[in-house]
Amino acid sequence: QVQLVESGGGLVQAGGSLRLSCAASGRTFSLSGMGWFRQAPGKDREFVAATGWSRGTTYYGDSVKGRFTISRDNGKNTVYLQMNSLKAEDTAVYYCAVRTYDGGSYYSASDYNYWGQGTQVTVSS
């Protein structure tokens, strides 16, 4: 089992920045990658960003490229999501997720097997 604890959400004005953190505990030796997804009311869960755990290869959704940056601290088993130039449409619950196996797609929610509880990000226009 892997447990995830997210932090850093909140209310920010459009154009502002926030940094989300997600700390993993438990069977962290099995981590293959970590990612962030988001879900706005009435919408499907959307891929935001992900990183491979060993090599640090990063992946981004089209809507956040150039504005969001994912990074990891392997020693702390923590992944970060730096969000800049925030827009009202970035408002959503942001979920951290972990995959403990190789293969599949970093972009697909179904290829992650552990999820955090979610943290609300609200961007006011």
C-alpha atoms as a PDB file:
ATOM      1  CA  GLN A   1       0.000   0.000   0.000  1.00  0.00           C
ATOM      2  CA  VAL A   2       1.014   3.596  -0.675  1.00  0.00           C
ATOM      3  CA  GLN A   3      -0.536   6.515   1.147  1.00  0.00           C
ATOM      4  CA  LEU A   4      -0.591  10.001  -0.341  1.00  0.00           C
ATOM      5  CA  VAL A   5      -1.056  13.320   1.415  1.00  0.00           C
ATOM      6  CA  GLU A   6      -1.589  16.437  -0.662  1.00  0.00           C
ATOM      7  CA  SER A   7      -1.198  20.043   0.421  1.00  0.00           C
ATOM      8  CA  GLY A   8      -0.933  23.517  -1.017  1.00  0.00           C
ATOM      9  CA  GLY A   9      -4.321  24.157  -2.520  1.00  0.00           C
ATOM     10  CA  GLY A  10      -6.242  27.355  -1.950  1.00  0.00           C
ATOM     11  CA  LEU A  11      -7.697  30.498  -3.450  1.00  0.00           C
ATOM     12  CA  VAL A  12      -5.628  32.667  -5.768  1.00  0.00           C
ATOM     13  CA  GLN A  13      -6.310  35.440  -8.227  1.00  0.00           C
ATOM     14  CA  ALA A  14      -5.934  34.897 -11.942  1.00  0.00           C
ATOM     15  CA  GLY A  15      -2.316  35.313 -12.969  1.00  0.00           C
ATOM     16  CA  GLY A  16      -1.079  34.150  -9.597  1.00  0.00           C
ATOM     17  CA  SER A  17       0.816  31.050  -8.539  1.00  0.00           C
ATOM     18  CA  LEU A  18       0.393  28.080  -6.217  1.00  0.00           C
ATOM     19  CA  ARG A  19       2.542  25.084  -5.418  1.00  0.00           C
ATOM     20  CA  LEU A  20       0.988  21.741  -4.608  1.00  0.00           C
ATOM     21  CA  SER A  21       2.841  19.012  -2.749  1.00  0.00           C
ATOM     22  CA  CYS A  22       2.154  15.317  -2.475  1.00  0.00           C
ATOM     23  CA  ALA A  23       4.030  13.149  -0.010  1.00  0.00           C
ATOM     24  CA  ALA A  24       4.006   9.381  -0.392  1.00  0.00           C
ATOM     25  CA  SER A  25       4.461   6.896   2.426  1.00  0.00           C
ATOM     26  CA  GLY A  26       4.235   3.149   2.801  1.00  0.00           C
ATOM     27  CA  ARG A  27       5.623   0.953   0.018  1.00  0.00           C
ATOM     28  CA  THR A  28       7.458   3.814  -1.634  1.00  0.00           C
ATOM     29  CA  PHE A  29      10.202   1.513  -2.961  1.00  0.00           C
ATOM     30  CA  SER A  30       7.653   0.375  -5.531  1.00  0.00           C
ATOM     31  CA  LEU A  31       7.066   3.824  -7.047  1.00  0.00           C
ATOM     32  CA  SER A  32       7.278   3.973 -10.833  1.00  0.00           C
ATOM     33  CA  GLY A  33       5.792   7.402 -11.345  1.00  0.00           C
ATOM     34  CA  MET A  34       3.655  10.100  -9.787  1.00  0.00           C
ATOM     35  CA  GLY A  35       1.189  12.414 -11.401  1.00  0.00           C
ATOM     36  CA  TRP A  36      -1.452  15.051 -10.951  1.00  0.00           C
ATOM     37  CA  PHE A  37      -4.975  15.003 -12.287  1.00  0.00           C
ATOM     38  CA  ARG A  38      -7.775  17.482 -11.780  1.00  0.00           C
ATOM     39  CA  GLN A  39     -11.524  17.439 -11.886  1.00  0.00           C
ATOM     40  CA  ALA A  40     -13.813  20.428 -12.180  1.00  0.00           C
ATOM     41  CA  PRO A  41     -17.526  20.206 -11.338  1.00  0.00           C
ATOM     42  CA  GLY A  42     -19.443  18.457 -14.083  1.00  0.00           C
ATOM     43  CA  LYS A  43     -16.293  17.538 -15.991  1.00  0.00           C
ATOM     44  CA  ASP A  44     -14.237  14.395 -16.428  1.00  0.00           C
ATOM     45  CA  ARG A  45     -10.983  13.904 -14.578  1.00  0.00           C
ATOM     46  CA  GLU A  46      -8.201  15.521 -16.612  1.00  0.00           C
ATOM     47  CA  PHE A  47      -4.512  14.685 -16.791  1.00  0.00           C
ATOM     48  CA  VAL A  48      -2.317  17.579 -15.650  1.00  0.00           C
ATOM     49  CA  ALA A  49       1.271  16.383 -15.293  1.00  0.00           C
ATOM     50  CA  ALA A  50       3.359  13.367 -14.349  1.00  0.00           C
ATOM     51  CA  THR A  51       6.932  12.332 -13.742  1.00  0.00           C
ATOM     52  CA  GLY A  52       8.766   9.062 -13.925  1.00  0.00           C
ATOM     53  CA  TRP A  53      10.270   8.248 -10.556  1.00  0.00           C
ATOM     54  CA  SER A  54      13.710   6.977 -11.540  1.00  0.00           C
ATOM     55  CA  ARG A  55      14.652   9.099 -14.566  1.00  0.00           C
ATOM     56  CA  GLY A  56      12.388  12.067 -13.902  1.00  0.00           C
ATOM     57  CA  THR A  57      10.915  12.192 -17.379  1.00  0.00           C
ATOM     58  CA  THR A  58       8.030  14.639 -17.333  1.00  0.00           C
ATOM     59  CA  TYR A  59       4.688  14.719 -19.103  1.00  0.00           C
ATOM     60  CA  TYR A  60       2.182  17.566 -19.342  1.00  0.00           C
ATOM     61  CA  GLY A  61      -1.367  18.076 -20.469  1.00  0.00           C
ATOM     62  CA  ASP A  62      -1.788  20.526 -23.329  1.00  0.00           C
ATOM     63  CA  SER A  63      -3.775  22.991 -21.247  1.00  0.00           C
ATOM     64  CA  VAL A  64      -0.952  23.483 -18.712  1.00  0.00           C
ATOM     65  CA  LYS A  65       2.188  23.280 -20.834  1.00  0.00           C
ATOM     66  CA  GLY A  66       4.431  26.266 -20.274  1.00  0.00           C
ATOM     67  CA  ARG A  67       2.595  27.270 -17.090  1.00  0.00           C
ATOM     68  CA  PHE A  68       2.884  24.275 -14.745  1.00  0.00           C
ATOM     69  CA  THR A  69       6.035  22.435 -13.714  1.00  0.00           C
ATOM     70  CA  ILE A  70       6.178  19.059 -12.010  1.00  0.00           C
ATOM     71  CA  SER A  71       9.196  18.066  -9.963  1.00  0.00           C
ATOM     72  CA  ARG A  72      10.101  15.379  -7.474  1.00  0.00           C
ATOM     73  CA  ASP A  73      12.271  14.846  -4.433  1.00  0.00           C
ATOM     74  CA  ASN A  74      13.092  11.161  -4.311  1.00  0.00           C
ATOM     75  CA  GLY A  75      14.617  11.446  -0.842  1.00  0.00           C
ATOM     76  CA  LYS A  76      11.366  12.826   0.545  1.00  0.00           C
ATOM     77  CA  ASN A  77       9.112  10.700  -1.676  1.00  0.00           C
ATOM     78  CA  THR A  78       7.382  13.916  -2.628  1.00  0.00           C
ATOM     79  CA  VAL A  79       6.187  15.374  -5.888  1.00  0.00           C
ATOM     80  CA  TYR A  80       5.444  19.042  -6.458  1.00  0.00           C
ATOM     81  CA  LEU A  81       3.306  20.914  -8.942  1.00  0.00           C
ATOM     82  CA  GLN A  82       4.300  24.542  -9.438  1.00  0.00           C
ATOM     83  CA  MET A  83       1.398  26.342 -11.060  1.00  0.00           C
ATOM     84  CA  ASN A  84       2.039  29.763 -12.581  1.00  0.00           C
ATOM     85  CA  SER A  85      -0.107  32.134 -14.625  1.00  0.00           C
ATOM     86  CA  LEU A  86      -3.204  30.542 -13.201  1.00  0.00           C
ATOM     87  CA  LYS A  87      -6.490  30.966 -15.023  1.00  0.00           C
ATOM     88  CA  ALA A  88     -10.086  30.664 -13.875  1.00  0.00           C
ATOM     89  CA  GLU A  89     -10.360  27.462 -15.911  1.00  0.00           C
ATOM     90  CA  ASP A  90      -7.669  25.885 -13.727  1.00  0.00           C
ATOM     91  CA  THR A  91     -10.194  25.798 -10.883  1.00  0.00           C
ATOM     92  CA  ALA A  92     -10.681  22.182  -9.861  1.00  0.00           C
ATOM     93  CA  VAL A  93      -9.934  19.566  -7.261  1.00  0.00           C
ATOM     94  CA  TYR A  94      -6.381  18.403  -7.863  1.00  0.00           C
ATOM     95  CA  TYR A  95      -5.514  14.785  -7.155  1.00  0.00           C
ATOM     96  CA  CYS A  96      -2.111  13.254  -6.702  1.00  0.00           C
ATOM     97  CA  ALA A  97      -1.695   9.732  -8.006  1.00  0.00           C
ATOM     98  CA  VAL A  98       0.964   7.040  -7.966  1.00  0.00           C
ATOM     99  CA  ARG A  99       1.745   4.174 -10.299  1.00  0.00           C
ATOM    100  CA  THR A 100       3.749   1.243  -9.051  1.00  0.00           C
ATOM    101  CA  TYR A 101       4.326  -0.577 -12.320  1.00  0.00           C
ATOM    102  CA  ASP A 102       5.857   0.146 -15.704  1.00  0.00           C
ATOM    103  CA  GLY A 103       3.964   0.191 -18.956  1.00  0.00           C
ATOM    104  CA  GLY A 104       0.641   1.715 -19.764  1.00  0.00           C
ATOM    105  CA  SER A 105       0.319   5.467 -20.154  1.00  0.00           C
ATOM    106  CA  TYR A 106       1.273   8.278 -17.798  1.00  0.00           C
ATOM    107  CA  TYR A 107      -1.634  10.220 -19.304  1.00  0.00           C
ATOM    108  CA  SER A 108      -4.305   7.720 -18.303  1.00  0.00           C
ATOM    109  CA  ALA A 109      -5.926   7.769 -14.866  1.00  0.00           C
ATOM    110  CA  SER A 110      -6.573   4.047 -15.111  1.00  0.00           C
ATOM    111  CA  ASP A 111      -2.819   3.373 -15.050  1.00  0.00           C
ATOM    112  CA  TYR A 112      -2.418   4.817 -11.549  1.00  0.00           C
ATOM    113  CA  ASN A 113      -3.191   2.573  -8.634  1.00  0.00           C
ATOM    114  CA  TYR A 114      -3.100   4.890  -5.614  1.00  0.00           C
ATOM    115  CA  TRP A 115      -4.780   8.262  -5.211  1.00  0.00           C
ATOM    116  CA  GLY A 116      -4.728  11.117  -2.744  1.00  0.00           C
ATOM    117  CA  GLN A 117      -7.803  12.694  -1.238  1.00  0.00           C
ATOM    118  CA  GLY A 118      -7.636  15.780  -3.440  1.00  0.00           C
ATOM    119  CA  THR A 119      -6.987  19.451  -2.755  1.00  0.00           C
ATOM    120  CA  GLN A 120      -9.125  22.335  -3.982  1.00  0.00           C
ATOM    121  CA  VAL A 121      -7.608  25.015  -6.192  1.00  0.00           C
ATOM    122  CA  THR A 122      -9.807  28.019  -6.895  1.00  0.00           C
ATOM    123  CA  VAL A 123      -8.712  30.773  -9.253  1.00  0.00           C
ATOM    124  CA  SER A 124     -10.748  33.954  -9.146  1.00  0.00           C
ATOM    125  CA  SER A 125     -11.022  36.064 -12.273  1.00  0.00           C
END
